[in-house]
Amino acid sequence: MFGVGFCTFSFWWIIPVVMMALCFIMIRGRKGSMMCGLGPHMKDSHRINPSDSAMDILDKKYATGQIDEKEYEKKKIILTWDK
């Protein structure tokens, strides 16, 4: 008796559509965070701002491990050569 009435439910497609919409909303809300959700992908202290000087950018790249010490020293000499 209950199975027959439930099978004739004509709006069965609403449930998957609502689930997909919820997933979409949740994924868009996680923009800028890590996959496990423990915090932002890049902290503000490591971001390169347009107002940063070349030396500040070089310091941040060295601090985050994007360049090694040898490359850092070489570029530092080039940047401070005119001063």
C-alpha atoms as a PDB file:
ATOM      1  CA  MET A   1       0.000   0.000   0.000  1.00  0.00           C
ATOM      2  CA  PHE A   2       2.711   2.537   0.933  1.00  0.00           C
ATOM      3  CA  GLY A   3       5.065   1.428  -1.838  1.00  0.00           C
ATOM      4  CA  VAL A   4       2.531   1.986  -4.600  1.00  0.00           C
ATOM      5  CA  GLY A   5       1.745   5.541  -3.479  1.00  0.00           C
ATOM      6  CA  PHE A   6       5.417   6.462  -3.171  1.00  0.00           C
ATOM      7  CA  CYS A   7       6.317   5.096  -6.615  1.00  0.00           C
ATOM      8  CA  THR A   8       3.783   7.353  -8.306  1.00  0.00           C
ATOM      9  CA  PHE A   9       5.459  10.460  -6.826  1.00  0.00           C
ATOM     10  CA  SER A  10       5.861  12.606  -9.940  1.00  0.00           C
ATOM     11  CA  PHE A  11       8.338  15.125  -8.529  1.00  0.00           C
ATOM     12  CA  TRP A  12      11.153  12.644  -7.826  1.00  0.00           C
ATOM     13  CA  TRP A  13      13.635  14.785  -9.776  1.00  0.00           C
ATOM     14  CA  ILE A  14      13.437  17.613  -7.189  1.00  0.00           C
ATOM     15  CA  ILE A  15      15.566  15.757  -4.643  1.00  0.00           C
ATOM     16  CA  PRO A  16      18.667  15.327  -6.914  1.00  0.00           C
ATOM     17  CA  VAL A  17      18.353  18.920  -8.159  1.00  0.00           C
ATOM     18  CA  VAL A  18      18.238  20.255  -4.587  1.00  0.00           C
ATOM     19  CA  MET A  19      21.232  18.089  -3.622  1.00  0.00           C
ATOM     20  CA  MET A  20      23.261  19.354  -6.600  1.00  0.00           C
ATOM     21  CA  ALA A  21      22.358  22.958  -5.751  1.00  0.00           C
ATOM     22  CA  LEU A  22      23.473  22.453  -2.145  1.00  0.00           C
ATOM     23  CA  CYS A  23      26.760  20.934  -3.286  1.00  0.00           C
ATOM     24  CA  PHE A  24      27.353  23.839  -5.658  1.00  0.00           C
ATOM     25  CA  ILE A  25      26.654  26.391  -2.916  1.00  0.00           C
ATOM     26  CA  MET A  26      28.955  24.602  -0.463  1.00  0.00           C
ATOM     27  CA  ILE A  27      31.807  24.345  -2.978  1.00  0.00           C
ATOM     28  CA  ARG A  28      31.566  28.032  -3.925  1.00  0.00           C
ATOM     29  CA  GLY A  29      31.662  28.995  -0.259  1.00  0.00           C
ATOM     30  CA  ARG A  30      34.983  27.170   0.193  1.00  0.00           C
ATOM     31  CA  LYS A  31      36.797  29.297  -2.410  1.00  0.00           C
ATOM     32  CA  GLY A  32      40.207  30.298  -1.078  1.00  0.00           C
ATOM     33  CA  SER A  33      40.503  27.595   1.545  1.00  0.00           C
ATOM     34  CA  MET A  34      42.424  24.356   1.647  1.00  0.00           C
ATOM     35  CA  MET A  35      40.807  21.096   0.619  1.00  0.00           C
ATOM     36  CA  CYS A  36      40.625  19.855   4.199  1.00  0.00           C
ATOM     37  CA  GLY A  37      39.165  23.177   5.315  1.00  0.00           C
ATOM     38  CA  LEU A  38      41.675  23.926   8.065  1.00  0.00           C
ATOM     39  CA  GLY A  39      42.423  27.458   6.913  1.00  0.00           C
ATOM     40  CA  PRO A  40      43.273  29.693   4.002  1.00  0.00           C
ATOM     41  CA  HIS A  41      45.550  28.328   1.304  1.00  0.00           C
ATOM     42  CA  MET A  42      47.981  31.249   1.551  1.00  0.00           C
ATOM     43  CA  LYS A  43      48.265  33.371   4.657  1.00  0.00           C
ATOM     44  CA  ASP A  44      48.195  37.154   4.241  1.00  0.00           C
ATOM     45  CA  SER A  45      51.819  37.521   5.337  1.00  0.00           C
ATOM     46  CA  HIS A  46      53.043  35.581   2.297  1.00  0.00           C
ATOM     47  CA  ARG A  47      50.936  37.297  -0.342  1.00  0.00           C
ATOM     48  CA  ILE A  48      52.632  39.654  -2.739  1.00  0.00           C
ATOM     49  CA  ASN A  49      50.944  43.034  -2.804  1.00  0.00           C
ATOM     50  CA  PRO A  50      51.340  45.496  -5.680  1.00  0.00           C
ATOM     51  CA  SER A  51      52.737  48.030  -3.201  1.00  0.00           C
ATOM     52  CA  ASP A  52      55.583  45.697  -2.124  1.00  0.00           C
ATOM     53  CA  SER A  53      59.086  46.631  -3.198  1.00  0.00           C
ATOM     54  CA  ALA A  54      61.251  44.218  -5.161  1.00  0.00           C
ATOM     55  CA  MET A  55      63.270  43.479  -2.023  1.00  0.00           C
ATOM     56  CA  ASP A  56      60.093  42.682  -0.046  1.00  0.00           C
ATOM     57  CA  ILE A  57      58.964  40.274  -2.769  1.00  0.00           C
ATOM     58  CA  LEU A  58      62.390  38.613  -2.801  1.00  0.00           C
ATOM     59  CA  ASP A  59      62.326  38.268   1.004  1.00  0.00           C
ATOM     60  CA  LYS A  60      58.865  36.670   0.920  1.00  0.00           C
ATOM     61  CA  LYS A  61      59.859  34.220  -1.814  1.00  0.00           C
ATOM     62  CA  TYR A  62      62.912  33.170   0.188  1.00  0.00           C
ATOM     63  CA  ALA A  63      60.894  32.894   3.402  1.00  0.00           C
ATOM     64  CA  THR A  64      58.289  30.646   1.771  1.00  0.00           C
ATOM     65  CA  GLY A  65      60.918  28.422   0.161  1.00  0.00           C
ATOM     66  CA  GLN A  66      60.180  29.343  -3.439  1.00  0.00           C
ATOM     67  CA  ILE A  67      63.870  30.168  -4.000  1.00  0.00           C
ATOM     68  CA  ASP A  68      67.001  28.806  -2.329  1.00  0.00           C
ATOM     69  CA  GLU A  69      69.729  30.749  -0.495  1.00  0.00           C
ATOM     70  CA  LYS A  70      72.094  30.900  -3.458  1.00  0.00           C
ATOM     71  CA  GLU A  71      69.461  32.374  -5.757  1.00  0.00           C
ATOM     72  CA  TYR A  72      68.344  34.746  -2.988  1.00  0.00           C
ATOM     73  CA  GLU A  73      71.861  36.120  -2.459  1.00  0.00           C
ATOM     74  CA  LYS A  74      72.435  36.507  -6.206  1.00  0.00           C
ATOM     75  CA  LYS A  75      69.203  38.447  -6.709  1.00  0.00           C
ATOM     76  CA  LYS A  76      69.792  40.499  -3.573  1.00  0.00           C
ATOM     77  CA  ILE A  77      73.146  41.671  -4.951  1.00  0.00           C
ATOM     78  CA  ILE A  78      71.482  42.634  -8.235  1.00  0.00           C
ATOM     79  CA  LEU A  79      68.744  44.588  -6.446  1.00  0.00           C
ATOM     80  CA  THR A  80      71.126  46.448  -4.126  1.00  0.00           C
ATOM     81  CA  TRP A  81      73.779  47.108  -6.798  1.00  0.00           C
ATOM     82  CA  ASP A  82      72.535  50.624  -7.639  1.00  0.00           C
ATOM     83  CA  LYS A  83      72.313  51.764  -4.016  1.00  0.00           C
END
